[in-house]
């Protein structure tokens, strides 16, 4: 049967296999992730300016870092929105790690308190949505 076998080089559950119904919480998590990915990939300096970071202080390395953030978050969000259970279940551990990263960057002086609060707030929204989804099961 066509499509019933995982494609070569693709881990089962990531790009193939059955899709689960998409819960409203998952749709919201994916939308937040997609918005953050789009902003950080397509206009990283403008995205950082929204966080209160002066455009003149944004280095090429910082731009690359934000684009890498998007490279991780965009596919995860897209797959979760399409009902991929592996991608959906990755939101919580990824957001916990993001929380640790944002606060470490703040501690080192790489992020302002405003930027840290905005980033951790968005991440906390995803964590809350995912915990709600998991508790409803």
C-alpha atoms as a PDB file:
ATOM      1  CA  UNK A   1       0.000   0.000   0.000  1.00  0.00           C
ATOM      2  CA  UNK A   2       1.465   3.365  -0.983  1.00  0.00           C
ATOM      3  CA  UNK A   3       2.233   5.626   1.945  1.00  0.00           C
ATOM      4  CA  UNK A   4       1.905   2.904   4.579  1.00  0.00           C
ATOM      5  CA  UNK A   5       5.661   2.445   4.921  1.00  0.00           C
ATOM      6  CA  UNK A   6       7.953   5.088   6.388  1.00  0.00           C
ATOM      7  CA  UNK A   7      10.086   6.795   3.789  1.00  0.00           C
ATOM      8  CA  UNK A   8      13.746   5.863   3.804  1.00  0.00           C
ATOM      9  CA  UNK A   9      15.745   8.153   6.072  1.00  0.00           C
ATOM     10  CA  UNK A  10      12.671   9.445   7.910  1.00  0.00           C
ATOM     11  CA  UNK A  11      12.133   8.391  11.500  1.00  0.00           C
ATOM     12  CA  UNK A  12       8.717   6.835  12.126  1.00  0.00           C
ATOM     13  CA  UNK A  13       6.382   9.368  13.682  1.00  0.00           C
ATOM     14  CA  UNK A  14       8.175  12.397  12.273  1.00  0.00           C
ATOM     15  CA  UNK A  15       7.280  12.527   8.585  1.00  0.00           C
ATOM     16  CA  UNK A  16       5.124   9.473   8.189  1.00  0.00           C
ATOM     17  CA  UNK A  17       2.594   7.301   9.883  1.00  0.00           C
ATOM     18  CA  UNK A  18      -0.879   7.956  11.232  1.00  0.00           C
ATOM     19  CA  UNK A  19      -1.871  11.400  12.331  1.00  0.00           C
ATOM     20  CA  UNK A  20      -3.791  12.077  15.499  1.00  0.00           C
ATOM     21  CA  UNK A  21      -6.721  14.475  15.669  1.00  0.00           C
ATOM     22  CA  UNK A  22      -5.423  17.970  16.417  1.00  0.00           C
ATOM     23  CA  UNK A  23      -6.575  19.367  19.752  1.00  0.00           C
ATOM     24  CA  UNK A  24      -7.342  23.092  20.024  1.00  0.00           C
ATOM     25  CA  UNK A  25      -4.407  23.464  22.431  1.00  0.00           C
ATOM     26  CA  UNK A  26      -2.065  21.949  19.865  1.00  0.00           C
ATOM     27  CA  UNK A  27      -3.344  24.311  17.186  1.00  0.00           C
ATOM     28  CA  UNK A  28      -2.683  27.263  19.495  1.00  0.00           C
ATOM     29  CA  UNK A  29       0.817  25.994  20.392  1.00  0.00           C
ATOM     30  CA  UNK A  30       1.625  25.538  16.723  1.00  0.00           C
ATOM     31  CA  UNK A  31       0.346  29.041  15.907  1.00  0.00           C
ATOM     32  CA  UNK A  32       2.574  30.602  18.581  1.00  0.00           C
ATOM     33  CA  UNK A  33       5.540  28.597  17.317  1.00  0.00           C
ATOM     34  CA  UNK A  34       4.823  29.499  13.691  1.00  0.00           C
ATOM     35  CA  UNK A  35       4.570  33.217  14.504  1.00  0.00           C
ATOM     36  CA  UNK A  36       7.838  33.192  16.461  1.00  0.00           C
ATOM     37  CA  UNK A  37       9.534  31.202  13.692  1.00  0.00           C
ATOM     38  CA  UNK A  38       8.350  33.527  10.957  1.00  0.00           C
ATOM     39  CA  UNK A  39       9.489  36.619  12.816  1.00  0.00           C
ATOM     40  CA  UNK A  40      12.881  35.256  13.806  1.00  0.00           C
ATOM     41  CA  UNK A  41      13.625  33.751  10.386  1.00  0.00           C
ATOM     42  CA  UNK A  42      12.283  36.388   8.013  1.00  0.00           C
ATOM     43  CA  UNK A  43      13.035  39.551   9.970  1.00  0.00           C
ATOM     44  CA  UNK A  44      15.264  38.721  12.937  1.00  0.00           C
ATOM     45  CA  UNK A  45      16.305  42.309  13.591  1.00  0.00           C
ATOM     46  CA  UNK A  46      12.686  43.524  13.583  1.00  0.00           C
ATOM     47  CA  UNK A  47      11.712  40.566  15.777  1.00  0.00           C
ATOM     48  CA  UNK A  48      14.427  41.473  18.274  1.00  0.00           C
ATOM     49  CA  UNK A  49      13.379  45.112  18.166  1.00  0.00           C
ATOM     50  CA  UNK A  50       9.886  44.019  19.296  1.00  0.00           C
ATOM     51  CA  UNK A  51      11.620  42.451  22.276  1.00  0.00           C
ATOM     52  CA  UNK A  52      13.262  45.775  23.102  1.00  0.00           C
ATOM     53  CA  UNK A  53      16.687  44.907  21.735  1.00  0.00           C
ATOM     54  CA  UNK A  54      18.361  47.761  19.844  1.00  0.00           C
ATOM     55  CA  UNK A  55      18.889  46.877  16.177  1.00  0.00           C
ATOM     56  CA  UNK A  56      22.416  48.325  16.247  1.00  0.00           C
ATOM     57  CA  UNK A  57      23.447  45.847  18.932  1.00  0.00           C
ATOM     58  CA  UNK A  58      22.336  42.779  16.952  1.00  0.00           C
ATOM     59  CA  UNK A  59      25.365  40.889  15.672  1.00  0.00           C
ATOM     60  CA  UNK A  60      25.448  38.544  12.674  1.00  0.00           C
ATOM     61  CA  UNK A  61      25.897  35.677  15.161  1.00  0.00           C
ATOM     62  CA  UNK A  62      22.697  36.712  16.948  1.00  0.00           C
ATOM     63  CA  UNK A  63      20.815  36.787  13.634  1.00  0.00           C
ATOM     64  CA  UNK A  64      22.097  33.281  12.881  1.00  0.00           C
ATOM     65  CA  UNK A  65      21.038  32.092  16.343  1.00  0.00           C
ATOM     66  CA  UNK A  66      17.495  33.376  15.848  1.00  0.00           C
ATOM     67  CA  UNK A  67      17.310  31.767  12.422  1.00  0.00           C
ATOM     68  CA  UNK A  68      18.424  28.466  13.956  1.00  0.00           C
ATOM     69  CA  UNK A  69      15.663  28.897  16.547  1.00  0.00           C
ATOM     70  CA  UNK A  70      13.235  29.228  13.628  1.00  0.00           C
ATOM     71  CA  UNK A  71      14.746  26.206  11.862  1.00  0.00           C
ATOM     72  CA  UNK A  72      13.914  24.125  14.933  1.00  0.00           C
ATOM     73  CA  UNK A  73      10.537  25.634  15.765  1.00  0.00           C
ATOM     74  CA  UNK A  74       8.970  25.957  12.298  1.00  0.00           C
ATOM     75  CA  UNK A  75       8.979  22.253  11.353  1.00  0.00           C
ATOM     76  CA  UNK A  76       7.944  21.231  14.869  1.00  0.00           C
ATOM     77  CA  UNK A  77       4.986  23.623  14.715  1.00  0.00           C
ATOM     78  CA  UNK A  78       4.003  22.592  11.173  1.00  0.00           C
ATOM     79  CA  UNK A  79       4.090  18.887  11.963  1.00  0.00           C
ATOM     80  CA  UNK A  80       2.170  19.329  15.221  1.00  0.00           C
ATOM     81  CA  UNK A  81      -0.489  21.388  13.437  1.00  0.00           C
ATOM     82  CA  UNK A  82      -0.912  18.513  10.962  1.00  0.00           C
ATOM     83  CA  UNK A  83      -1.509  16.038  13.791  1.00  0.00           C
ATOM     84  CA  UNK A  84       1.917  14.456  14.161  1.00  0.00           C
ATOM     85  CA  UNK A  85       1.958  13.058  17.724  1.00  0.00           C
ATOM     86  CA  UNK A  86       5.766  13.012  18.020  1.00  0.00           C
ATOM     87  CA  UNK A  87       6.048  16.694  17.106  1.00  0.00           C
ATOM     88  CA  UNK A  88       3.112  17.563  19.372  1.00  0.00           C
ATOM     89  CA  UNK A  89       4.734  15.801  22.325  1.00  0.00           C
ATOM     90  CA  UNK A  90       8.045  17.608  21.750  1.00  0.00           C
ATOM     91  CA  UNK A  91       6.561  21.006  22.640  1.00  0.00           C
ATOM     92  CA  UNK A  92       6.809  20.553  26.413  1.00  0.00           C
ATOM     93  CA  UNK A  93      10.465  19.450  26.682  1.00  0.00           C
ATOM     94  CA  UNK A  94      11.551  22.033  24.112  1.00  0.00           C
ATOM     95  CA  UNK A  95       9.768  24.827  25.974  1.00  0.00           C
ATOM     96  CA  UNK A  96      11.274  23.806  29.306  1.00  0.00           C
ATOM     97  CA  UNK A  97      14.723  23.988  27.708  1.00  0.00           C
ATOM     98  CA  UNK A  98      13.858  27.345  26.130  1.00  0.00           C
ATOM     99  CA  UNK A  99      12.860  28.689  29.554  1.00  0.00           C
ATOM    100  CA  UNK A 100      16.249  27.679  30.934  1.00  0.00           C
ATOM    101  CA  UNK A 101      18.016  29.247  27.942  1.00  0.00           C
ATOM    102  CA  UNK A 102      16.143  32.573  28.179  1.00  0.00           C
ATOM    103  CA  UNK A 103      16.906  32.959  31.882  1.00  0.00           C
ATOM    104  CA  UNK A 104      20.551  31.972  31.398  1.00  0.00           C
ATOM    105  CA  UNK A 105      20.858  34.573  28.633  1.00  0.00           C
ATOM    106  CA  UNK A 106      19.338  37.138  30.993  1.00  0.00           C
ATOM    107  CA  UNK A 107      21.742  36.133  33.776  1.00  0.00           C
ATOM    108  CA  UNK A 108      24.689  36.644  31.414  1.00  0.00           C
ATOM    109  CA  UNK A 109      23.387  40.016  30.254  1.00  0.00           C
ATOM    110  CA  UNK A 110      22.584  38.856  26.713  1.00  0.00           C
ATOM    111  CA  UNK A 111      18.847  39.585  27.129  1.00  0.00           C
ATOM    112  CA  UNK A 112      17.092  42.425  28.895  1.00  0.00           C
ATOM    113  CA  UNK A 113      14.463  41.732  31.511  1.00  0.00           C
ATOM    114  CA  UNK A 114      11.792  42.895  29.037  1.00  0.00           C
ATOM    115  CA  UNK A 115      12.974  40.471  26.335  1.00  0.00           C
ATOM    116  CA  UNK A 116      13.263  37.645  28.849  1.00  0.00           C
ATOM    117  CA  UNK A 117       9.759  38.323  30.161  1.00  0.00           C
ATOM    118  CA  UNK A 118       8.237  38.354  26.665  1.00  0.00           C
ATOM    119  CA  UNK A 119      10.041  35.172  25.581  1.00  0.00           C
ATOM    120  CA  UNK A 120       9.317  33.282  28.786  1.00  0.00           C
ATOM    121  CA  UNK A 121       5.712  34.493  28.673  1.00  0.00           C
ATOM    122  CA  UNK A 122       5.197  33.072  25.181  1.00  0.00           C
ATOM    123  CA  UNK A 123       6.931  29.874  26.229  1.00  0.00           C
ATOM    124  CA  UNK A 124       4.822  29.674  29.401  1.00  0.00           C
ATOM    125  CA  UNK A 125       1.685  29.998  27.267  1.00  0.00           C
ATOM    126  CA  UNK A 126       2.800  26.989  25.216  1.00  0.00           C
ATOM    127  CA  UNK A 127       3.641  25.025  28.381  1.00  0.00           C
ATOM    128  CA  UNK A 128       0.227  25.839  29.872  1.00  0.00           C
ATOM    129  CA  UNK A 129      -1.571  24.806  26.683  1.00  0.00           C
ATOM    130  CA  UNK A 130       0.399  21.573  26.463  1.00  0.00           C
ATOM    131  CA  UNK A 131      -0.197  20.673  30.119  1.00  0.00           C
ATOM    132  CA  UNK A 132      -3.910  21.348  29.635  1.00  0.00           C
ATOM    133  CA  UNK A 133      -3.927  19.090  26.576  1.00  0.00           C
ATOM    134  CA  UNK A 134      -2.083  16.332  28.425  1.00  0.00           C
ATOM    135  CA  UNK A 135      -4.381  16.521  31.453  1.00  0.00           C
ATOM    136  CA  UNK A 136      -7.518  16.273  29.258  1.00  0.00           C
ATOM    137  CA  UNK A 137      -6.436  12.893  27.852  1.00  0.00           C
END
